[in-house]
Amino acid sequence: MNYRSSLLALLFLLFSGTLLAQPGIAEMNQATGNLRSTFFSARDATLVLAGLLGICGAVNIYYNWQMGRDKVDLKVAGWFFAAFFMILMGPFLQVLFGI
């Protein structure tokens, strides 16, 4: 029994040294700053992509409407919600990462 407890204490001592080798607060603040600087450009990119998606959808829907194809309203809903999803991705990621 004494052998097991001393072995267990030795294992805890060995593993406690690796726990102290974790990155510090300065490194975490630097990573947060890097994430904040690149995130706003990513949020702007989602808005630009949503605009391009909306323009492509509008052209596609107008073409189908002028050709007399049916079920154009389903395509309108699909393109609208695709652009709406892209617009909402920016704030969602902002809340998710806490920025």
PDB file of N, CA and C in Angstrom:
ATOM      1  N   MET A   1       0.823  -1.182   0.000  1.00  0.00           N
ATOM      2  CA  MET A   1       0.000   0.000   0.000  1.00  0.00           C
ATOM      3  C   MET A   1       0.873   1.255   0.000  1.00  0.00           C
ATOM      4  N   ASN A   2       1.945   1.238   0.715  1.00  0.00           N
ATOM      5  CA  ASN A   2       2.851   2.375   0.797  1.00  0.00           C
ATOM      6  C   ASN A   2       3.537   2.595  -0.553  1.00  0.00           C
ATOM      7  N   TYR A   3       3.836   1.499  -1.241  1.00  0.00           N
ATOM      8  CA  TYR A   3       4.479   1.584  -2.553  1.00  0.00           C
ATOM      9  C   TYR A   3       3.555   2.272  -3.559  1.00  0.00           C
ATOM     10  N   ARG A   4       2.260   1.950  -3.538  1.00  0.00           N
ATOM     11  CA  ARG A   4       1.298   2.557  -4.458  1.00  0.00           C
ATOM     12  C   ARG A   4       1.124   4.041  -4.179  1.00  0.00           C
ATOM     13  N   SER A   5       1.046   4.427  -2.944  1.00  0.00           N
ATOM     14  CA  SER A   5       0.858   5.841  -2.619  1.00  0.00           C
ATOM     15  C   SER A   5       2.093   6.659  -2.994  1.00  0.00           C
ATOM     16  N   SER A   6       3.289   6.092  -2.806  1.00  0.00           N
ATOM     17  CA  SER A   6       4.492   6.825  -3.200  1.00  0.00           C
ATOM     18  C   SER A   6       4.603   6.912  -4.721  1.00  0.00           C
ATOM     19  N   LEU A   7       4.182   5.867  -5.423  1.00  0.00           N
ATOM     20  CA  LEU A   7       4.179   5.896  -6.883  1.00  0.00           C
ATOM     21  C   LEU A   7       3.166   6.917  -7.401  1.00  0.00           C
ATOM     22  N   LEU A   8       2.029   6.979  -6.767  1.00  0.00           N
ATOM     23  CA  LEU A   8       1.010   7.944  -7.146  1.00  0.00           C
ATOM     24  C   LEU A   8       1.480   9.373  -6.881  1.00  0.00           C
ATOM     25  N   ALA A   9       2.130   9.606  -5.773  1.00  0.00           N
ATOM     26  CA  ALA A   9       2.669  10.929  -5.466  1.00  0.00           C
ATOM     27  C   ALA A   9       3.753  11.318  -6.465  1.00  0.00           C
ATOM     28  N   LEU A  10       4.565  10.361  -6.882  1.00  0.00           N
ATOM     29  CA  LEU A  10       5.604  10.633  -7.880  1.00  0.00           C
ATOM     30  C   LEU A  10       4.988  10.981  -9.235  1.00  0.00           C
ATOM     31  N   LEU A  11       3.933  10.282  -9.614  1.00  0.00           N
ATOM     32  CA  LEU A  11       3.255  10.591 -10.867  1.00  0.00           C
ATOM     33  C   LEU A  11       2.629  11.979 -10.830  1.00  0.00           C
ATOM     34  N   PHE A  12       2.006  12.344  -9.732  1.00  0.00           N
ATOM     35  CA  PHE A  12       1.437  13.692  -9.617  1.00  0.00           C
ATOM     36  C   PHE A  12       2.513  14.757  -9.695  1.00  0.00           C
ATOM     37  N   LEU A  13       3.658  14.494  -9.111  1.00  0.00           N
ATOM     38  CA  LEU A  13       4.767  15.442  -9.179  1.00  0.00           C
ATOM     39  C   LEU A  13       5.282  15.602 -10.606  1.00  0.00           C
ATOM     40  N   LEU A  14       5.369  14.504 -11.345  1.00  0.00           N
ATOM     41  CA  LEU A  14       5.853  14.570 -12.722  1.00  0.00           C
ATOM     42  C   LEU A  14       4.880  15.317 -13.633  1.00  0.00           C
ATOM     43  N   PHE A  15       3.588  15.069 -13.457  1.00  0.00           N
ATOM     44  CA  PHE A  15       2.605  15.716 -14.318  1.00  0.00           C
ATOM     45  C   PHE A  15       2.329  17.153 -13.921  1.00  0.00           C
ATOM     46  N   SER A  16       2.625  17.546 -12.715  1.00  0.00           N
ATOM     47  CA  SER A  16       2.385  18.934 -12.315  1.00  0.00           C
ATOM     48  C   SER A  16       3.363  19.879 -13.010  1.00  0.00           C
ATOM     49  N   GLY A  17       4.530  19.403 -13.397  1.00  0.00           N
ATOM     50  CA  GLY A  17       5.482  20.240 -14.124  1.00  0.00           C
ATOM     51  C   GLY A  17       4.987  20.600 -15.511  1.00  0.00           C
ATOM     52  N   THR A  18       4.264  19.694 -16.145  1.00  0.00           N
ATOM     53  CA  THR A  18       3.729  20.007 -17.473  1.00  0.00           C
ATOM     54  C   THR A  18       2.561  20.972 -17.388  1.00  0.00           C
ATOM     55  N   LEU A  19       1.861  21.012 -16.292  1.00  0.00           N
ATOM     56  CA  LEU A  19       0.752  21.944 -16.146  1.00  0.00           C
ATOM     57  C   LEU A  19       1.238  23.381 -16.025  1.00  0.00           C
ATOM     58  N   LEU A  20       2.419  23.579 -15.499  1.00  0.00           N
ATOM     59  CA  LEU A  20       2.947  24.928 -15.340  1.00  0.00           C
ATOM     60  C   LEU A  20       3.502  25.483 -16.643  1.00  0.00           C
ATOM     61  N   ALA A  21       3.638  24.655 -17.663  1.00  0.00           N
ATOM     62  CA  ALA A  21       4.236  25.086 -18.917  1.00  0.00           C
ATOM     63  C   ALA A  21       3.207  25.591 -19.927  1.00  0.00           C
ATOM     64  N   GLN A  22       2.004  25.915 -19.480  1.00  0.00           N
ATOM     65  CA  GLN A  22       0.970  26.406 -20.381  1.00  0.00           C
ATOM     66  C   GLN A  22       1.223  27.869 -20.726  1.00  0.00           C
ATOM     67  N   PRO A  23       0.695  28.361 -21.877  1.00  0.00           N
ATOM     68  CA  PRO A  23       0.918  29.746 -22.267  1.00  0.00           C
ATOM     69  C   PRO A  23       0.294  30.717 -21.270  1.00  0.00           C
ATOM     70  N   GLY A  24       0.907  31.881 -21.178  1.00  0.00           N
ATOM     71  CA  GLY A  24       0.475  32.861 -20.196  1.00  0.00           C
ATOM     72  C   GLY A  24      -0.590  33.795 -20.715  1.00  0.00           C
ATOM     73  N   ILE A  25      -0.895  34.766 -19.888  1.00  0.00           N
ATOM     74  CA  ILE A  25      -1.952  35.719 -20.206  1.00  0.00           C
ATOM     75  C   ILE A  25      -1.532  36.631 -21.348  1.00  0.00           C
ATOM     76  N   ALA A  26      -0.274  36.972 -21.439  1.00  0.00           N
ATOM     77  CA  ALA A  26       0.191  37.854 -22.513  1.00  0.00           C
ATOM     78  C   ALA A  26      -0.013  37.208 -23.881  1.00  0.00           C
ATOM     79  N   GLU A  27       0.257  35.929 -23.975  1.00  0.00           N
ATOM     80  CA  GLU A  27       0.065  35.234 -25.236  1.00  0.00           C
ATOM     81  C   GLU A  27      -1.413  35.137 -25.602  1.00  0.00           C
ATOM     82  N   MET A  28      -2.270  34.940 -24.599  1.00  0.00           N
ATOM     83  CA  MET A  28      -3.704  34.884 -24.864  1.00  0.00           C
ATOM     84  C   MET A  28      -4.230  36.245 -25.314  1.00  0.00           C
ATOM     85  N   ASN A  29      -3.742  37.321 -24.712  1.00  0.00           N
ATOM     86  CA  ASN A  29      -4.148  38.663 -25.135  1.00  0.00           C
ATOM     87  C   ASN A  29      -3.666  38.955 -26.556  1.00  0.00           C
ATOM     88  N   GLN A  30      -2.481  38.488 -26.902  1.00  0.00           N
ATOM     89  CA  GLN A  30      -1.966  38.681 -28.253  1.00  0.00           C
ATOM     90  C   GLN A  30      -2.809  37.901 -29.263  1.00  0.00           C
ATOM     91  N   ALA A  31      -3.195  36.687 -28.924  1.00  0.00           N
ATOM     92  CA  ALA A  31      -4.038  35.897 -29.826  1.00  0.00           C
ATOM     93  C   ALA A  31      -5.412  36.548 -29.994  1.00  0.00           C
ATOM     94  N   THR A  32      -5.958  37.105 -28.915  1.00  0.00           N
ATOM     95  CA  THR A  32      -7.247  37.792 -29.003  1.00  0.00           C
ATOM     96  C   THR A  32      -7.133  39.028 -29.877  1.00  0.00           C
ATOM     97  N   GLY A  33      -6.043  39.768 -29.750  1.00  0.00           N
ATOM     98  CA  GLY A  33      -5.826  40.947 -30.597  1.00  0.00           C
ATOM     99  C   GLY A  33      -5.697  40.583 -32.062  1.00  0.00           C
ATOM    100  N   ASN A  34      -4.996  39.497 -32.343  1.00  0.00           N
ATOM    101  CA  ASN A  34      -4.869  39.037 -33.730  1.00  0.00           C
ATOM    102  C   ASN A  34      -6.219  38.616 -34.298  1.00  0.00           C
ATOM    103  N   LEU A  35      -7.012  37.949 -33.490  1.00  0.00           N
ATOM    104  CA  LEU A  35      -8.334  37.520 -33.933  1.00  0.00           C
ATOM    105  C   LEU A  35      -9.237  38.717 -34.189  1.00  0.00           C
ATOM    106  N   ARG A  36      -9.168  39.725 -33.336  1.00  0.00           N
ATOM    107  CA  ARG A  36      -9.988  40.924 -33.525  1.00  0.00           C
ATOM    108  C   ARG A  36      -9.587  41.682 -34.778  1.00  0.00           C
ATOM    109  N   SER A  37      -8.313  41.735 -35.078  1.00  0.00           N
ATOM    110  CA  SER A  37      -7.884  42.500 -36.253  1.00  0.00           C
ATOM    111  C   SER A  37      -8.301  41.821 -37.550  1.00  0.00           C
ATOM    112  N   THR A  38      -8.337  40.501 -37.585  1.00  0.00           N
ATOM    113  CA  THR A  38      -8.731  39.813 -38.806  1.00  0.00           C
ATOM    114  C   THR A  38     -10.221  39.551 -38.872  1.00  0.00           C
ATOM    115  N   PHE A  39     -10.911  39.610 -37.743  1.00  0.00           N
ATOM    116  CA  PHE A  39     -12.330  39.273 -37.741  1.00  0.00           C
ATOM    117  C   PHE A  39     -13.167  40.323 -38.442  1.00  0.00           C
ATOM    118  N   PHE A  40     -12.834  41.599 -38.254  1.00  0.00           N
ATOM    119  CA  PHE A  40     -13.662  42.639 -38.851  1.00  0.00           C
ATOM    120  C   PHE A  40     -13.579  42.590 -40.370  1.00  0.00           C
ATOM    121  N   SER A  41     -12.440  42.230 -40.906  1.00  0.00           N
ATOM    122  CA  SER A  41     -12.364  42.066 -42.353  1.00  0.00           C
ATOM    123  C   SER A  41     -13.174  40.848 -42.800  1.00  0.00           C
ATOM    124  N   ALA A  42     -13.251  39.823 -41.975  1.00  0.00           N
ATOM    125  CA  ALA A  42     -14.063  38.654 -42.311  1.00  0.00           C
ATOM    126  C   ALA A  42     -15.547  39.004 -42.255  1.00  0.00           C
ATOM    127  N   ARG A  43     -15.943  39.847 -41.301  1.00  0.00           N
ATOM    128  CA  ARG A  43     -17.343  40.266 -41.222  1.00  0.00           C
ATOM    129  C   ARG A  43     -17.719  41.108 -42.431  1.00  0.00           C
ATOM    130  N   ASP A  44     -16.818  41.987 -42.844  1.00  0.00           N
ATOM    131  CA  ASP A  44     -17.068  42.779 -44.048  1.00  0.00           C
ATOM    132  C   ASP A  44     -17.137  41.885 -45.285  1.00  0.00           C
ATOM    133  N   ALA A  45     -16.326  40.841 -45.303  1.00  0.00           N
ATOM    134  CA  ALA A  45     -16.338  39.915 -46.430  1.00  0.00           C
ATOM    135  C   ALA A  45     -17.680  39.182 -46.513  1.00  0.00           C
ATOM    136  N   THR A  46     -18.284  38.849 -45.375  1.00  0.00           N
ATOM    137  CA  THR A  46     -19.589  38.192 -45.415  1.00  0.00           C
ATOM    138  C   THR A  46     -20.647  39.134 -45.973  1.00  0.00           C
ATOM    139  N   LEU A  47     -20.554  40.424 -45.670  1.00  0.00           N
ATOM    140  CA  LEU A  47     -21.517  41.377 -46.224  1.00  0.00           C
ATOM    141  C   LEU A  47     -21.330  41.548 -47.730  1.00  0.00           C
ATOM    142  N   VAL A  48     -20.086  41.571 -48.180  1.00  0.00           N
ATOM    143  CA  VAL A  48     -19.829  41.679 -49.617  1.00  0.00           C
ATOM    144  C   VAL A  48     -20.328  40.427 -50.334  1.00  0.00           C
ATOM    145  N   LEU A  49     -20.060  39.257 -49.746  1.00  0.00           N
ATOM    146  CA  LEU A  49     -20.547  38.019 -50.354  1.00  0.00           C
ATOM    147  C   LEU A  49     -22.067  37.966 -50.392  1.00  0.00           C
ATOM    148  N   ALA A  50     -22.725  38.484 -49.366  1.00  0.00           N
ATOM    149  CA  ALA A  50     -24.181  38.517 -49.358  1.00  0.00           C
ATOM    150  C   ALA A  50     -24.698  39.440 -50.456  1.00  0.00           C
ATOM    151  N   GLY A  51     -24.027  40.562 -50.669  1.00  0.00           N
ATOM    152  CA  GLY A  51     -24.428  41.464 -51.743  1.00  0.00           C
ATOM    153  C   GLY A  51     -24.258  40.831 -53.114  1.00  0.00           C
ATOM    154  N   LEU A  52     -23.128  40.171 -53.317  1.00  0.00           N
ATOM    155  CA  LEU A  52     -22.908  39.493 -54.601  1.00  0.00           C
ATOM    156  C   LEU A  52     -23.898  38.361 -54.805  1.00  0.00           C
ATOM    157  N   LEU A  53     -24.195  37.643 -53.735  1.00  0.00           N
ATOM    158  CA  LEU A  53     -25.168  36.559 -53.804  1.00  0.00           C
ATOM    159  C   LEU A  53     -26.546  37.105 -54.145  1.00  0.00           C
ATOM    160  N   GLY A  54     -26.904  38.245 -53.576  1.00  0.00           N
ATOM    161  CA  GLY A  54     -28.188  38.867 -53.877  1.00  0.00           C
ATOM    162  C   GLY A  54     -28.279  39.336 -55.322  1.00  0.00           C
ATOM    163  N   ILE A  55     -27.199  39.915 -55.841  1.00  0.00           N
ATOM    164  CA  ILE A  55     -27.200  40.371 -57.236  1.00  0.00           C
ATOM    165  C   ILE A  55     -27.304  39.191 -58.196  1.00  0.00           C
ATOM    166  N   CYS A  56     -26.536  38.140 -57.938  1.00  0.00           N
ATOM    167  CA  CYS A  56     -26.606  36.945 -58.797  1.00  0.00           C
ATOM    168  C   CYS A  56     -27.996  36.319 -58.735  1.00  0.00           C
ATOM    169  N   GLY A  57     -28.565  36.280 -57.555  1.00  0.00           N
ATOM    170  CA  GLY A  57     -29.910  35.730 -57.409  1.00  0.00           C
ATOM    171  C   GLY A  57     -30.946  36.566 -58.132  1.00  0.00           C
ATOM    172  N   ALA A  58     -30.800  37.888 -58.050  1.00  0.00           N
ATOM    173  CA  ALA A  58     -31.756  38.770 -58.729  1.00  0.00           C
ATOM    174  C   ALA A  58     -31.681  38.588 -60.242  1.00  0.00           C
ATOM    175  N   VAL A  59     -30.488  38.472 -60.784  1.00  0.00           N
ATOM    176  CA  VAL A  59     -30.339  38.268 -62.224  1.00  0.00           C
ATOM    177  C   VAL A  59     -30.918  36.920 -62.639  1.00  0.00           C
ATOM    178  N   ASN A  60     -30.647  35.895 -61.862  1.00  0.00           N
ATOM    179  CA  ASN A  60     -31.163  34.558 -62.168  1.00  0.00           C
ATOM    180  C   ASN A  60     -32.689  34.533 -62.111  1.00  0.00           C
ATOM    181  N   ILE A  61     -33.254  35.145 -61.098  1.00  0.00           N
ATOM    182  CA  ILE A  61     -34.707  35.157 -60.950  1.00  0.00           C
ATOM    183  C   ILE A  61     -35.347  35.984 -62.059  1.00  0.00           C
ATOM    184  N   TYR A  62     -34.765  37.111 -62.408  1.00  0.00           N
ATOM    185  CA  TYR A  62     -35.307  37.943 -63.486  1.00  0.00           C
ATOM    186  C   TYR A  62     -35.283  37.187 -64.817  1.00  0.00           C
ATOM    187  N   TYR A  63     -34.202  36.494 -65.072  1.00  0.00           N
ATOM    188  CA  TYR A  63     -34.101  35.709 -66.307  1.00  0.00           C
ATOM    189  C   TYR A  63     -35.180  34.625 -66.350  1.00  0.00           C
ATOM    190  N   ASN A  64     -35.333  33.889 -65.257  1.00  0.00           N
ATOM    191  CA  ASN A  64     -36.339  32.828 -65.224  1.00  0.00           C
ATOM    192  C   ASN A  64     -37.753  33.397 -65.326  1.00  0.00           C
ATOM    193  N   TRP A  65     -37.981  34.545 -64.748  1.00  0.00           N
ATOM    194  CA  TRP A  65     -39.292  35.171 -64.791  1.00  0.00           C
ATOM    195  C   TRP A  65     -39.626  35.620 -66.213  1.00  0.00           C
ATOM    196  N   GLN A  66     -38.632  36.185 -66.895  1.00  0.00           N
ATOM    197  CA  GLN A  66     -38.854  36.638 -68.264  1.00  0.00           C
ATOM    198  C   GLN A  66     -39.034  35.469 -69.242  1.00  0.00           C
ATOM    199  N   MET A  67     -38.443  34.336 -68.929  1.00  0.00           N
ATOM    200  CA  MET A  67     -38.609  33.157 -69.776  1.00  0.00           C
ATOM    201  C   MET A  67     -39.931  32.429 -69.514  1.00  0.00           C
ATOM    202  N   GLY A  68     -40.672  32.838 -68.523  1.00  0.00           N
ATOM    203  CA  GLY A  68     -41.976  32.258 -68.229  1.00  0.00           C
ATOM    204  C   GLY A  68     -41.903  30.950 -67.463  1.00  0.00           C
ATOM    205  N   ARG A  69     -40.832  30.713 -66.783  1.00  0.00           N
ATOM    206  CA  ARG A  69     -40.711  29.463 -66.014  1.00  0.00           C
ATOM    207  C   ARG A  69     -41.548  29.556 -64.741  1.00  0.00           C
ATOM    208  N   ASP A  70     -42.049  28.394 -64.335  1.00  0.00           N
ATOM    209  CA  ASP A  70     -42.850  28.375 -63.120  1.00  0.00           C
ATOM    210  C   ASP A  70     -41.969  28.134 -61.894  1.00  0.00           C
ATOM    211  N   LYS A  71     -42.548  28.280 -60.745  1.00  0.00           N
ATOM    212  CA  LYS A  71     -41.889  28.108 -59.443  1.00  0.00           C
ATOM    213  C   LYS A  71     -40.757  29.119 -59.235  1.00  0.00           C
ATOM    214  N   VAL A  72     -40.971  30.325 -59.726  1.00  0.00           N
ATOM    215  CA  VAL A  72     -39.972  31.373 -59.516  1.00  0.00           C
ATOM    216  C   VAL A  72     -39.984  31.827 -58.063  1.00  0.00           C
ATOM    217  N   ASP A  73     -41.158  31.749 -57.415  1.00  0.00           N
ATOM    218  CA  ASP A  73     -41.245  32.185 -56.022  1.00  0.00           C
ATOM    219  C   ASP A  73     -40.406  31.310 -55.093  1.00  0.00           C
ATOM    220  N   LEU A  74     -40.228  30.037 -55.431  1.00  0.00           N
ATOM    221  CA  LEU A  74     -39.346  29.182 -54.628  1.00  0.00           C
ATOM    222  C   LEU A  74     -37.889  29.611 -54.768  1.00  0.00           C
ATOM    223  N   LYS A  75     -37.519  30.019 -55.971  1.00  0.00           N
ATOM    224  CA  LYS A  75     -36.152  30.500 -56.178  1.00  0.00           C
ATOM    225  C   LYS A  75     -35.930  31.825 -55.467  1.00  0.00           C
ATOM    226  N   VAL A  76     -36.950  32.677 -55.438  1.00  0.00           N
ATOM    227  CA  VAL A  76     -36.846  33.946 -54.722  1.00  0.00           C
ATOM    228  C   VAL A  76     -36.569  33.681 -53.245  1.00  0.00           C
ATOM    229  N   ALA A  77     -37.321  32.764 -52.655  1.00  0.00           N
ATOM    230  CA  ALA A  77     -37.126  32.437 -51.248  1.00  0.00           C
ATOM    231  C   ALA A  77     -35.740  31.832 -51.013  1.00  0.00           C
ATOM    232  N   GLY A  78     -35.311  30.982 -51.911  1.00  0.00           N
ATOM    233  CA  GLY A  78     -33.994  30.352 -51.745  1.00  0.00           C
ATOM    234  C   GLY A  78     -32.855  31.353 -51.796  1.00  0.00           C
ATOM    235  N   TRP A  79     -32.869  32.234 -52.787  1.00  0.00           N
ATOM    236  CA  TRP A  79     -31.805  33.238 -52.898  1.00  0.00           C
ATOM    237  C   TRP A  79     -31.875  34.250 -51.757  1.00  0.00           C
ATOM    238  N   PHE A  80     -33.098  34.612 -51.359  1.00  0.00           N
ATOM    239  CA  PHE A  80     -33.248  35.565 -50.261  1.00  0.00           C
ATOM    240  C   PHE A  80     -32.667  34.998 -48.970  1.00  0.00           C
ATOM    241  N   PHE A  81     -33.019  33.777 -48.644  1.00  0.00           N
ATOM    242  CA  PHE A  81     -32.538  33.201 -47.389  1.00  0.00           C
ATOM    243  C   PHE A  81     -31.046  32.873 -47.440  1.00  0.00           C
ATOM    244  N   ALA A  82     -30.502  32.626 -48.618  1.00  0.00           N
ATOM    245  CA  ALA A  82     -29.054  32.437 -48.736  1.00  0.00           C
ATOM    246  C   ALA A  82     -28.320  33.735 -48.420  1.00  0.00           C
ATOM    247  N   ALA A  83     -28.815  34.849 -48.968  1.00  0.00           N
ATOM    248  CA  ALA A  83     -28.199  36.145 -48.671  1.00  0.00           C
ATOM    249  C   ALA A  83     -28.422  36.522 -47.215  1.00  0.00           C
ATOM    250  N   PHE A  84     -29.608  36.238 -46.688  1.00  0.00           N
ATOM    251  CA  PHE A  84     -29.905  36.538 -45.282  1.00  0.00           C
ATOM    252  C   PHE A  84     -28.993  35.735 -44.349  1.00  0.00           C
ATOM    253  N   PHE A  85     -28.732  34.481 -44.695  1.00  0.00           N
ATOM    254  CA  PHE A  85     -27.827  33.647 -43.915  1.00  0.00           C
ATOM    255  C   PHE A  85     -26.418  34.234 -43.906  1.00  0.00           C
ATOM    256  N   MET A  86     -25.957  34.708 -45.063  1.00  0.00           N
ATOM    257  CA  MET A  86     -24.616  35.303 -45.133  1.00  0.00           C
ATOM    258  C   MET A  86     -24.530  36.579 -44.303  1.00  0.00           C
ATOM    259  N   ILE A  87     -25.595  37.368 -44.278  1.00  0.00           N
ATOM    260  CA  ILE A  87     -25.598  38.595 -43.485  1.00  0.00           C
ATOM    261  C   ILE A  87     -25.541  38.264 -42.002  1.00  0.00           C
ATOM    262  N   LEU A  88     -26.253  37.232 -41.566  1.00  0.00           N
ATOM    263  CA  LEU A  88     -26.287  36.877 -40.149  1.00  0.00           C
ATOM    264  C   LEU A  88     -25.038  36.151 -39.666  1.00  0.00           C
ATOM    265  N   MET A  89     -24.215  35.648 -40.576  1.00  0.00           N
ATOM    266  CA  MET A  89     -23.013  34.929 -40.158  1.00  0.00           C
ATOM    267  C   MET A  89     -22.011  35.841 -39.454  1.00  0.00           C
ATOM    268  N   GLY A  90     -21.910  37.100 -39.863  1.00  0.00           N
ATOM    269  CA  GLY A  90     -20.976  38.022 -39.237  1.00  0.00           C
ATOM    270  C   GLY A  90     -21.262  38.245 -37.761  1.00  0.00           C
ATOM    271  N   PRO A  91     -22.486  38.688 -37.406  1.00  0.00           N
ATOM    272  CA  PRO A  91     -22.799  38.853 -35.976  1.00  0.00           C
ATOM    273  C   PRO A  91     -22.769  37.546 -35.193  1.00  0.00           C
ATOM    274  N   PHE A  92     -23.158  36.436 -35.827  1.00  0.00           N
ATOM    275  CA  PHE A  92     -23.121  35.150 -35.138  1.00  0.00           C
ATOM    276  C   PHE A  92     -21.698  34.774 -34.753  1.00  0.00           C
ATOM    277  N   LEU A  93     -20.776  34.939 -35.686  1.00  0.00           N
ATOM    278  CA  LEU A  93     -19.372  34.627 -35.378  1.00  0.00           C
ATOM    279  C   LEU A  93     -18.805  35.592 -34.356  1.00  0.00           C
ATOM    280  N   GLN A  94     -19.282  36.845 -34.380  1.00  0.00           N
ATOM    281  CA  GLN A  94     -18.831  37.821 -33.404  1.00  0.00           C
ATOM    282  C   GLN A  94     -19.252  37.418 -31.997  1.00  0.00           C
ATOM    283  N   VAL A  95     -20.486  36.958 -31.870  1.00  0.00           N
ATOM    284  CA  VAL A  95     -20.969  36.499 -30.556  1.00  0.00           C
ATOM    285  C   VAL A  95     -20.284  35.194 -30.168  1.00  0.00           C
ATOM    286  N   LEU A  96     -20.073  34.317 -31.119  1.00  0.00           N
ATOM    287  CA  LEU A  96     -19.465  33.015 -30.840  1.00  0.00           C
ATOM    288  C   LEU A  96     -18.039  33.166 -30.296  1.00  0.00           C
ATOM    289  N   PHE A  97     -17.257  34.044 -30.913  1.00  0.00           N
ATOM    290  CA  PHE A  97     -15.879  34.233 -30.469  1.00  0.00           C
ATOM    291  C   PHE A  97     -15.739  35.279 -29.375  1.00  0.00           C
ATOM    292  N   GLY A  98     -16.831  35.955 -29.011  1.00  0.00           N
ATOM    293  CA  GLY A  98     -16.782  36.937 -27.937  1.00  0.00           C
ATOM    294  C   GLY A  98     -16.010  38.188 -28.267  1.00  0.00           C
ATOM    295  N   ILE A  99     -16.112  38.636 -29.501  1.00  0.00           N
ATOM    296  CA  ILE A  99     -15.362  39.817 -29.929  1.00  0.00           C
ATOM    297  C   ILE A  99     -16.307  40.985 -30.036  1.00  0.00           C
TER     298      ILE A  99
END
